[in-house]
């Protein structure tokens, strides 16, 4: 037995159907929205935590770098366009002047570049008393020069002379900016 619905029943059934559909849709959308919202909240918390950690690491790195800036500046190459060999030679001449000895010969050797650093060796002959030569080597190995002595040969200038002649090879590491 088939019963026809009246217009009022059809409208009421349509309204109930639309309300049920809207309620179900709202519930589905609401749950998905809150799930996404809570996952976004947890993701934002994780990112914020990572940013705080990374900021602290960068701050610590900056403090570390600032603490060693004076030491790293020692090995920087000159910025004024000065040739590396001339720069190293001026450091050797300054050390010799401070020690009161004479530089008889300077023979620059080829600079060895690796990546951002260059090792600049120089062969030289110096003449003077033993204490002057030792003072020269000491000052050359100290700041601000930090030369590395590779070879060191010491001999008398002449059999009866008190002065000595020293042949040595020394170099310095310089880092590019």
N, C-alpha and C. Protein backbone atom coordinates (compact mmCIF):
# COMPACT_ATOMS: atom_id res chain seq x y z
N UNK A 1 0.80 -1.12 0.00
CA UNK A 1 0.00 0.00 0.00
C UNK A 1 0.89 1.25 0.00
N UNK A 2 0.63 1.94 -0.97
CA UNK A 2 1.42 3.12 -1.19
C UNK A 2 0.64 4.33 -0.73
N UNK A 3 1.29 5.07 0.05
CA UNK A 3 0.63 6.24 0.58
C UNK A 3 1.32 7.48 0.03
N UNK A 4 0.61 8.39 -0.42
CA UNK A 4 1.17 9.64 -0.91
C UNK A 4 1.36 10.60 0.26
N UNK A 5 2.47 11.27 0.21
CA UNK A 5 2.74 12.24 1.27
C UNK A 5 2.13 13.58 0.90
N UNK A 6 1.67 14.20 1.85
CA UNK A 6 1.11 15.51 1.60
C UNK A 6 2.25 16.52 1.42
N UNK A 7 1.93 17.67 0.97
CA UNK A 7 2.94 18.70 0.74
C UNK A 7 3.63 19.09 2.04
N UNK A 8 2.83 19.14 3.10
CA UNK A 8 3.38 19.49 4.41
C UNK A 8 4.35 18.43 4.89
N UNK A 9 4.05 17.16 4.71
CA UNK A 9 4.94 16.06 5.11
C UNK A 9 6.21 16.07 4.28
N UNK A 10 6.05 16.35 2.98
CA UNK A 10 7.23 16.40 2.11
C UNK A 10 8.17 17.53 2.54
N UNK A 11 7.60 18.66 2.86
CA UNK A 11 8.43 19.80 3.30
C UNK A 11 9.09 19.46 4.62
N UNK A 12 8.34 18.88 5.53
CA UNK A 12 8.89 18.51 6.83
C UNK A 12 9.98 17.45 6.67
N UNK A 13 9.77 16.47 5.82
CA UNK A 13 10.79 15.44 5.58
C UNK A 13 12.03 16.05 4.95
N UNK A 14 11.85 16.98 4.04
CA UNK A 14 12.98 17.66 3.40
C UNK A 14 13.78 18.47 4.39
N UNK A 15 13.06 19.19 5.28
CA UNK A 15 13.74 20.00 6.30
C UNK A 15 14.50 19.08 7.25
N UNK A 16 13.90 17.97 7.69
CA UNK A 16 14.57 17.03 8.59
C UNK A 16 15.79 16.43 7.90
N UNK A 17 15.64 16.07 6.64
CA UNK A 17 16.76 15.50 5.88
C UNK A 17 17.89 16.51 5.76
N UNK A 18 17.59 17.75 5.43
CA UNK A 18 18.61 18.81 5.30
C UNK A 18 19.27 19.07 6.65
N UNK A 19 18.48 19.10 7.74
CA UNK A 19 19.05 19.31 9.07
C UNK A 19 19.95 18.15 9.48
N UNK A 20 19.54 16.92 9.18
CA UNK A 20 20.37 15.76 9.50
C UNK A 20 21.65 15.79 8.69
N UNK A 21 21.53 16.11 7.42
CA UNK A 21 22.71 16.21 6.55
C UNK A 21 23.63 17.33 7.03
N UNK A 22 23.07 18.47 7.41
CA UNK A 22 23.86 19.59 7.91
C UNK A 22 24.55 19.23 9.22
N UNK A 23 23.82 18.54 10.10
CA UNK A 23 24.40 18.14 11.39
C UNK A 23 25.54 17.15 11.17
N UNK A 24 25.31 16.18 10.28
CA UNK A 24 26.36 15.20 10.00
C UNK A 24 27.57 15.88 9.36
N UNK A 25 27.33 16.75 8.41
CA UNK A 25 28.42 17.48 7.76
C UNK A 25 29.18 18.36 8.73
N UNK A 26 28.40 19.06 9.58
CA UNK A 26 29.04 19.91 10.58
C UNK A 26 29.91 19.09 11.51
N UNK A 27 29.41 17.93 11.94
CA UNK A 27 30.17 17.06 12.85
C UNK A 27 31.45 16.57 12.17
N UNK A 28 31.34 16.17 10.92
CA UNK A 28 32.51 15.68 10.19
C UNK A 28 33.51 16.81 9.99
N UNK A 29 33.02 17.96 9.55
CA UNK A 29 33.92 19.09 9.34
C UNK A 29 34.52 19.58 10.65
N UNK A 30 33.71 19.60 11.68
CA UNK A 30 34.17 20.08 12.97
C UNK A 30 35.28 19.17 13.50
N UNK A 31 35.07 17.87 13.44
CA UNK A 31 36.09 16.94 13.92
C UNK A 31 37.36 17.07 13.11
N UNK A 32 37.23 17.14 11.79
CA UNK A 32 38.42 17.30 10.95
C UNK A 32 39.13 18.60 11.22
N UNK A 33 38.35 19.66 11.41
CA UNK A 33 38.94 20.96 11.68
C UNK A 33 39.69 20.96 13.00
N UNK A 34 39.08 20.39 14.05
CA UNK A 34 39.75 20.37 15.34
C UNK A 34 40.96 19.44 15.34
N UNK A 35 40.86 18.35 14.60
CA UNK A 35 42.02 17.46 14.49
C UNK A 35 43.15 18.20 13.79
N UNK A 36 42.83 18.88 12.68
CA UNK A 36 43.86 19.64 11.97
C UNK A 36 44.37 20.78 12.83
N UNK A 37 43.48 21.42 13.53
CA UNK A 37 43.87 22.54 14.38
C UNK A 37 44.79 22.06 15.51
N UNK A 38 44.48 20.94 16.12
CA UNK A 38 45.34 20.44 17.20
C UNK A 38 46.69 19.97 16.64
N UNK A 39 46.68 19.39 15.44
CA UNK A 39 47.96 18.97 14.85
C UNK A 39 48.78 20.20 14.46
N UNK A 40 48.09 21.25 13.99
CA UNK A 40 48.81 22.49 13.70
C UNK A 40 49.37 23.11 14.97
N UNK A 41 48.62 23.06 16.04
CA UNK A 41 49.11 23.59 17.32
C UNK A 41 50.36 22.84 17.77
N UNK A 42 50.32 21.50 17.69
CA UNK A 42 51.48 20.72 18.11
C UNK A 42 52.66 20.97 17.17
N UNK A 43 52.39 21.14 15.89
CA UNK A 43 53.46 21.44 14.93
C UNK A 43 54.07 22.81 15.22
N UNK A 44 53.21 23.79 15.53
CA UNK A 44 53.71 25.12 15.87
C UNK A 44 54.54 25.09 17.15
N UNK A 45 54.11 24.33 18.13
CA UNK A 45 54.89 24.19 19.36
C UNK A 45 56.24 23.57 19.08
N UNK A 46 56.27 22.55 18.23
CA UNK A 46 57.53 21.88 17.88
C UNK A 46 58.47 22.85 17.15
N UNK A 47 57.91 23.59 16.19
CA UNK A 47 58.72 24.56 15.44
C UNK A 47 59.23 25.65 16.36
N UNK A 48 58.39 26.14 17.25
CA UNK A 48 58.80 27.17 18.19
C UNK A 48 59.92 26.66 19.10
N UNK A 49 59.80 25.42 19.56
CA UNK A 49 60.84 24.81 20.39
C UNK A 49 62.15 24.69 19.60
N UNK A 50 62.05 24.27 18.34
CA UNK A 50 63.24 24.16 17.49
C UNK A 50 63.89 25.52 17.26
N UNK A 51 63.07 26.54 17.04
CA UNK A 51 63.60 27.88 16.82
C UNK A 51 64.31 28.38 18.07
N UNK A 52 63.73 28.15 19.23
CA UNK A 52 64.39 28.55 20.48
C UNK A 52 65.72 27.82 20.65
N UNK A 53 65.74 26.53 20.36
CA UNK A 53 66.97 25.75 20.48
C UNK A 53 68.02 26.26 19.49
N UNK A 54 67.60 26.49 18.23
CA UNK A 54 68.54 26.95 17.21
C UNK A 54 69.04 28.36 17.51
N UNK A 55 68.17 29.20 18.03
CA UNK A 55 68.58 30.56 18.41
C UNK A 55 69.63 30.50 19.51
N UNK A 56 69.43 29.64 20.46
CA UNK A 56 70.42 29.48 21.53
C UNK A 56 71.74 28.96 20.97
N UNK A 57 71.67 28.04 20.02
CA UNK A 57 72.90 27.50 19.42
C UNK A 57 73.63 28.58 18.63
N UNK A 58 72.89 29.41 17.90
CA UNK A 58 73.52 30.50 17.15
C UNK A 58 74.14 31.51 18.10
N UNK A 59 73.44 31.83 19.16
CA UNK A 59 73.97 32.77 20.15
C UNK A 59 75.25 32.21 20.78
N UNK A 60 75.25 30.93 21.11
CA UNK A 60 76.45 30.30 21.67
C UNK A 60 77.58 30.31 20.66
N UNK A 61 77.27 30.06 19.39
CA UNK A 61 78.30 30.07 18.35
C UNK A 61 78.88 31.46 18.19
N UNK A 62 78.03 32.49 18.24
CA UNK A 62 78.53 33.86 18.12
C UNK A 62 79.44 34.21 19.29
N UNK A 63 79.09 33.79 20.48
CA UNK A 63 79.95 34.04 21.64
C UNK A 63 81.28 33.33 21.46
N UNK A 64 81.23 32.10 20.95
CA UNK A 64 82.46 31.34 20.70
C UNK A 64 83.32 32.03 19.66
N UNK A 65 82.70 32.46 18.56
CA UNK A 65 83.44 33.11 17.47
C UNK A 65 84.03 34.43 17.95
N UNK A 66 83.25 35.20 18.70
CA UNK A 66 83.77 36.47 19.21
C UNK A 66 84.93 36.24 20.17
N UNK A 67 84.90 35.15 20.91
CA UNK A 67 85.99 34.84 21.83
C UNK A 67 87.29 34.52 21.13
N UNK A 68 87.19 33.99 19.91
CA UNK A 68 88.39 33.62 19.16
C UNK A 68 88.66 34.54 17.98
N UNK A 69 87.94 35.65 17.87
CA UNK A 69 88.11 36.56 16.73
C UNK A 69 89.52 37.13 16.67
N UNK A 70 90.08 37.49 17.82
CA UNK A 70 91.43 38.05 17.82
C UNK A 70 92.45 37.02 17.35
N UNK A 71 92.21 35.76 17.65
CA UNK A 71 93.14 34.71 17.22
C UNK A 71 93.00 34.40 15.73
N UNK A 72 91.79 34.42 15.23
CA UNK A 72 91.60 34.13 13.80
C UNK A 72 92.04 35.29 12.93
N UNK A 73 91.97 36.52 13.43
CA UNK A 73 92.42 37.67 12.65
C UNK A 73 93.92 37.63 12.40
N UNK A 74 94.65 36.94 13.25
CA UNK A 74 96.10 36.83 13.08
C UNK A 74 96.44 36.15 11.76
N UNK A 75 95.64 35.19 11.36
CA UNK A 75 95.95 34.40 10.19
C UNK A 75 95.23 34.89 8.93
N UNK A 76 94.57 36.02 9.00
CA UNK A 76 93.89 36.57 7.82
C UNK A 76 94.91 37.17 6.86
N UNK A 77 94.61 37.02 5.58
CA UNK A 77 95.45 37.62 4.56
C UNK A 77 95.21 39.12 4.56
N UNK A 78 96.22 39.88 4.12
CA UNK A 78 96.04 41.34 4.11
C UNK A 78 94.94 41.75 3.15
N UNK A 79 94.14 42.75 3.55
CA UNK A 79 93.02 43.22 2.73
C UNK A 79 93.41 44.32 1.77
N UNK A 80 94.57 44.92 1.97
CA UNK A 80 94.92 46.09 1.18
C UNK A 80 95.53 45.74 -0.18
N UNK A 81 95.40 44.51 -0.63
CA UNK A 81 95.92 44.11 -1.94
C UNK A 81 97.41 43.83 -1.92
N UNK A 82 98.02 43.84 -0.75
CA UNK A 82 99.45 43.58 -0.62
C UNK A 82 99.72 42.13 -0.99
N UNK A 83 100.82 41.90 -1.67
CA UNK A 83 101.20 40.55 -2.07
C UNK A 83 101.50 39.71 -0.83
N UNK A 84 101.14 38.42 -0.88
CA UNK A 84 101.36 37.55 0.28
C UNK A 84 102.84 37.48 0.65
N UNK A 85 103.70 37.33 -0.35
CA UNK A 85 105.14 37.22 -0.07
C UNK A 85 105.68 38.51 0.54
N UNK A 86 105.22 39.65 0.05
CA UNK A 86 105.66 40.92 0.61
C UNK A 86 105.17 41.06 2.05
N UNK A 87 103.96 40.58 2.31
CA UNK A 87 103.40 40.64 3.65
C UNK A 87 104.23 39.79 4.62
N UNK A 88 104.57 38.58 4.19
CA UNK A 88 105.38 37.69 5.03
C UNK A 88 106.79 38.25 5.18
N UNK A 89 107.35 38.80 4.11
CA UNK A 89 108.69 39.36 4.16
C UNK A 89 108.76 40.54 5.13
N UNK A 90 107.74 41.36 5.15
CA UNK A 90 107.74 42.50 6.09
C UNK A 90 107.71 42.00 7.54
N UNK A 91 107.01 40.88 7.79
CA UNK A 91 107.00 40.31 9.14
C UNK A 91 108.37 39.78 9.53
N UNK A 92 109.08 39.17 8.58
CA UNK A 92 110.43 38.66 8.86
C UNK A 92 111.38 39.82 9.13
N UNK A 93 111.32 40.86 8.32
CA UNK A 93 112.20 42.00 8.51
C UNK A 93 111.94 42.70 9.84
N UNK A 94 110.69 42.77 10.23
CA UNK A 94 110.34 43.38 11.52
C UNK A 94 110.90 42.55 12.68
N UNK A 95 110.81 41.22 12.58
CA UNK A 95 111.38 40.36 13.62
C UNK A 95 112.88 40.51 13.69
N UNK A 96 113.54 40.59 12.53
CA UNK A 96 115.00 40.74 12.51
C UNK A 96 115.40 42.10 13.10
N UNK A 97 114.68 43.12 12.80
CA UNK A 97 114.98 44.45 13.35
C UNK A 97 114.85 44.44 14.87
N UNK A 98 113.81 43.79 15.38
CA UNK A 98 113.62 43.72 16.83
C UNK A 98 114.73 42.93 17.51
N UNK A 99 115.27 41.92 16.81
CA UNK A 99 116.31 41.08 17.41
C UNK A 99 117.70 41.66 17.22
N UNK A 100 117.85 42.68 16.39
CA UNK A 100 119.15 43.31 16.18
C UNK A 100 120.09 42.49 15.32
N UNK A 101 119.57 41.75 14.36
CA UNK A 101 120.40 40.97 13.45
C UNK A 101 120.16 41.46 12.02
N UNK A 102 121.01 41.01 11.10
CA UNK A 102 120.85 41.43 9.71
C UNK A 102 120.33 40.25 8.88
N UNK A 103 119.49 40.59 7.93
CA UNK A 103 118.98 39.59 7.00
C UNK A 103 119.85 39.71 5.75
N UNK A 104 120.68 38.69 5.50
CA UNK A 104 121.60 38.73 4.37
C UNK A 104 120.90 38.36 3.07
N UNK A 105 119.92 37.47 3.13
CA UNK A 105 119.27 37.02 1.89
C UNK A 105 117.87 36.51 2.22
N UNK A 106 116.93 36.89 1.38
CA UNK A 106 115.56 36.36 1.50
C UNK A 106 115.18 35.79 0.14
N UNK A 107 114.77 34.53 0.15
CA UNK A 107 114.34 33.87 -1.09
C UNK A 107 112.91 33.36 -0.90
N UNK A 108 111.95 34.12 -1.38
CA UNK A 108 110.57 33.64 -1.27
C UNK A 108 110.38 32.37 -2.08
N UNK A 109 109.65 31.45 -1.52
CA UNK A 109 109.32 30.21 -2.22
C UNK A 109 107.86 30.27 -2.64
N UNK A 110 107.46 29.34 -3.47
CA UNK A 110 106.10 29.36 -4.00
C UNK A 110 105.10 29.07 -2.89
N UNK A 111 104.07 29.90 -2.83
CA UNK A 111 103.01 29.71 -1.84
C UNK A 111 102.20 28.47 -2.19
N UNK A 112 101.84 27.72 -1.18
CA UNK A 112 101.04 26.50 -1.37
C UNK A 112 99.62 26.81 -0.93
N UNK A 113 98.71 26.91 -1.90
CA UNK A 113 97.32 27.23 -1.57
C UNK A 113 96.48 25.97 -1.53
N UNK A 114 95.70 25.86 -0.47
CA UNK A 114 94.75 24.75 -0.33
C UNK A 114 93.44 25.33 0.17
N UNK A 115 92.45 25.32 -0.68
CA UNK A 115 91.14 25.84 -0.28
C UNK A 115 91.20 27.33 0.01
N UNK A 116 90.87 27.70 1.23
CA UNK A 116 90.85 29.11 1.60
C UNK A 116 92.14 29.54 2.29
N UNK A 117 93.08 28.63 2.47
CA UNK A 117 94.32 28.95 3.18
C UNK A 117 95.51 28.88 2.22
N UNK A 118 96.55 29.62 2.57
CA UNK A 118 97.79 29.59 1.80
C UNK A 118 98.95 29.48 2.79
N UNK A 119 99.89 28.59 2.50
CA UNK A 119 101.11 28.49 3.30
C UNK A 119 102.21 29.16 2.50
N UNK A 120 102.82 30.20 3.07
CA UNK A 120 103.82 31.00 2.36
C UNK A 120 105.19 30.75 3.01
N UNK A 121 106.03 29.88 2.39
CA UNK A 121 107.37 29.64 2.93
C UNK A 121 108.39 30.63 2.35
N UNK A 122 109.40 30.94 3.16
CA UNK A 122 110.47 31.85 2.76
C UNK A 122 111.79 31.28 3.25
N UNK A 123 112.76 31.18 2.34
CA UNK A 123 114.12 30.79 2.73
C UNK A 123 114.92 32.05 3.01
N UNK A 124 115.71 32.06 4.08
CA UNK A 124 116.48 33.25 4.37
C UNK A 124 117.79 32.91 5.06
N UNK A 125 118.71 33.85 4.96
CA UNK A 125 120.00 33.76 5.63
C UNK A 125 120.10 34.98 6.52
N UNK A 126 120.34 34.73 7.82
CA UNK A 126 120.49 35.82 8.77
C UNK A 126 121.86 35.73 9.41
N UNK A 127 122.38 36.88 9.83
CA UNK A 127 123.71 36.92 10.45
C UNK A 127 123.62 37.74 11.73
N UNK A 128 124.31 37.27 12.75
CA UNK A 128 124.34 37.99 14.00
C UNK A 128 124.83 37.09 15.12
N UNK A 129 124.84 37.60 16.35
CA UNK A 129 125.26 36.79 17.49
C UNK A 129 124.20 35.73 17.81
N UNK A 130 124.62 34.73 18.54
CA UNK A 130 123.73 33.60 18.86
C UNK A 130 122.46 34.07 19.57
N UNK A 131 122.60 34.95 20.57
CA UNK A 131 121.40 35.39 21.29
C UNK A 131 120.47 36.20 20.37
N UNK A 132 121.00 36.95 19.41
CA UNK A 132 120.16 37.68 18.47
C UNK A 132 119.41 36.74 17.53
N UNK A 133 120.10 35.69 17.09
CA UNK A 133 119.44 34.71 16.20
C UNK A 133 118.33 33.98 16.95
N UNK A 134 118.61 33.58 18.19
CA UNK A 134 117.60 32.88 18.96
C UNK A 134 116.40 33.80 19.29
N UNK A 135 116.70 35.07 19.55
CA UNK A 135 115.62 36.03 19.80
C UNK A 135 114.78 36.22 18.53
N UNK A 136 115.45 36.27 17.35
CA UNK A 136 114.73 36.39 16.09
C UNK A 136 113.78 35.21 15.88
N UNK A 137 114.29 34.01 16.09
CA UNK A 137 113.46 32.81 15.90
C UNK A 137 112.30 32.81 16.90
N UNK A 138 112.59 33.21 18.13
CA UNK A 138 111.54 33.26 19.14
C UNK A 138 110.44 34.25 18.75
N UNK A 139 110.85 35.49 18.38
CA UNK A 139 109.85 36.51 18.00
C UNK A 139 109.10 36.13 16.73
N UNK A 140 109.76 35.46 15.81
CA UNK A 140 109.10 35.05 14.57
C UNK A 140 108.02 34.01 14.84
N UNK A 141 108.22 33.19 15.86
CA UNK A 141 107.23 32.16 16.17
C UNK A 141 106.11 32.67 17.07
N UNK A 142 106.29 33.86 17.66
CA UNK A 142 105.27 34.43 18.55
C UNK A 142 104.38 35.39 17.77
N UNK A 143 103.35 35.89 18.44
CA UNK A 143 102.46 36.86 17.81
C UNK A 143 103.14 38.17 17.60
N UNK A 144 102.79 38.90 16.63
CA UNK A 144 101.68 38.72 15.69
C UNK A 144 102.07 37.94 14.43
N UNK A 145 103.26 37.32 14.41
CA UNK A 145 103.74 36.70 13.16
C UNK A 145 103.38 35.23 13.05
N UNK A 146 103.69 34.44 14.06
CA UNK A 146 103.40 33.01 14.10
C UNK A 146 104.01 32.27 12.91
N UNK A 147 105.29 32.50 12.66
CA UNK A 147 105.98 31.76 11.61
C UNK A 147 106.29 30.35 12.08
N UNK A 148 106.32 29.46 11.15
CA UNK A 148 106.64 28.06 11.40
C UNK A 148 108.05 27.82 10.84
N UNK A 149 108.99 27.39 11.69
CA UNK A 149 110.35 27.13 11.23
C UNK A 149 110.43 25.69 10.73
N UNK A 150 110.75 25.54 9.44
CA UNK A 150 110.83 24.20 8.83
C UNK A 150 112.26 23.67 8.83
N UNK A 151 113.21 24.53 8.50
CA UNK A 151 114.62 24.12 8.46
C UNK A 151 115.45 25.15 9.21
N UNK A 152 116.52 24.68 9.84
CA UNK A 152 117.38 25.57 10.63
C UNK A 152 118.81 25.04 10.58
N UNK A 153 119.70 25.79 9.93
CA UNK A 153 121.12 25.42 9.86
C UNK A 153 121.94 26.57 10.42
N UNK A 154 122.81 26.26 11.37
CA UNK A 154 123.60 27.29 12.04
C UNK A 154 125.07 26.98 11.80
N UNK A 155 125.85 28.03 11.41
CA UNK A 155 127.29 27.85 11.17
C UNK A 155 127.99 29.16 11.51
N UNK A 156 129.30 29.08 11.67
CA UNK A 156 130.08 30.29 11.93
C UNK A 156 130.26 31.04 10.61
N UNK A 157 130.22 32.36 10.72
CA UNK A 157 130.39 33.18 9.52
C UNK A 157 131.81 33.02 8.99
N UNK A 158 132.77 33.00 9.88
CA UNK A 158 134.17 32.70 9.55
C UNK A 158 134.76 32.00 10.78
N UNK A 159 135.87 31.30 10.62
CA UNK A 159 136.39 30.50 11.74
C UNK A 159 136.64 31.27 13.03
N UNK A 160 137.09 32.52 12.96
CA UNK A 160 137.42 33.28 14.16
C UNK A 160 136.37 34.32 14.53
N UNK A 161 135.32 34.48 13.73
CA UNK A 161 134.33 35.53 13.97
C UNK A 161 133.33 35.08 15.03
N UNK A 162 132.90 36.00 15.90
CA UNK A 162 131.91 35.65 16.92
C UNK A 162 130.48 35.56 16.33
N UNK A 163 130.30 36.18 15.18
CA UNK A 163 128.97 36.16 14.58
C UNK A 163 128.71 34.83 13.89
N UNK A 164 127.45 34.48 13.86
CA UNK A 164 127.02 33.23 13.24
C UNK A 164 126.17 33.54 12.01
N UNK A 165 126.10 32.57 11.14
CA UNK A 165 125.23 32.65 9.96
C UNK A 165 124.20 31.53 10.09
N UNK A 166 122.97 31.88 9.86
CA UNK A 166 121.90 30.90 10.00
C UNK A 166 121.09 30.87 8.71
N UNK A 167 120.95 29.68 8.17
CA UNK A 167 120.07 29.48 7.01
C UNK A 167 118.83 28.77 7.51
N UNK A 168 117.70 29.34 7.21
CA UNK A 168 116.47 28.70 7.66
C UNK A 168 115.35 28.92 6.66
N UNK A 169 114.40 28.02 6.74
CA UNK A 169 113.17 28.13 5.96
C UNK A 169 112.03 28.24 6.96
N UNK A 170 111.29 29.30 6.81
CA UNK A 170 110.14 29.49 7.69
C UNK A 170 108.95 29.94 6.86
N UNK A 171 107.78 29.67 7.37
CA UNK A 171 106.57 30.01 6.62
C UNK A 171 105.46 30.40 7.55
N UNK A 172 104.36 30.80 6.92
CA UNK A 172 103.22 31.25 7.69
C UNK A 172 101.94 30.86 6.95
N UNK A 173 100.93 30.48 7.71
CA UNK A 173 99.63 30.15 7.14
C UNK A 173 98.78 31.41 7.16
N UNK A 174 98.17 31.72 6.01
CA UNK A 174 97.27 32.86 5.91
C UNK A 174 95.95 32.37 5.35
N UNK A 175 94.85 32.88 5.90
CA UNK A 175 93.50 32.44 5.52
C UNK A 175 92.81 33.58 4.79
N UNK A 176 92.11 33.26 3.70
CA UNK A 176 91.35 34.27 2.95
C UNK A 176 90.09 34.62 3.73
N UNK A 177 89.52 35.77 3.42
CA UNK A 177 88.26 36.21 4.04
C UNK A 177 87.13 35.35 3.54
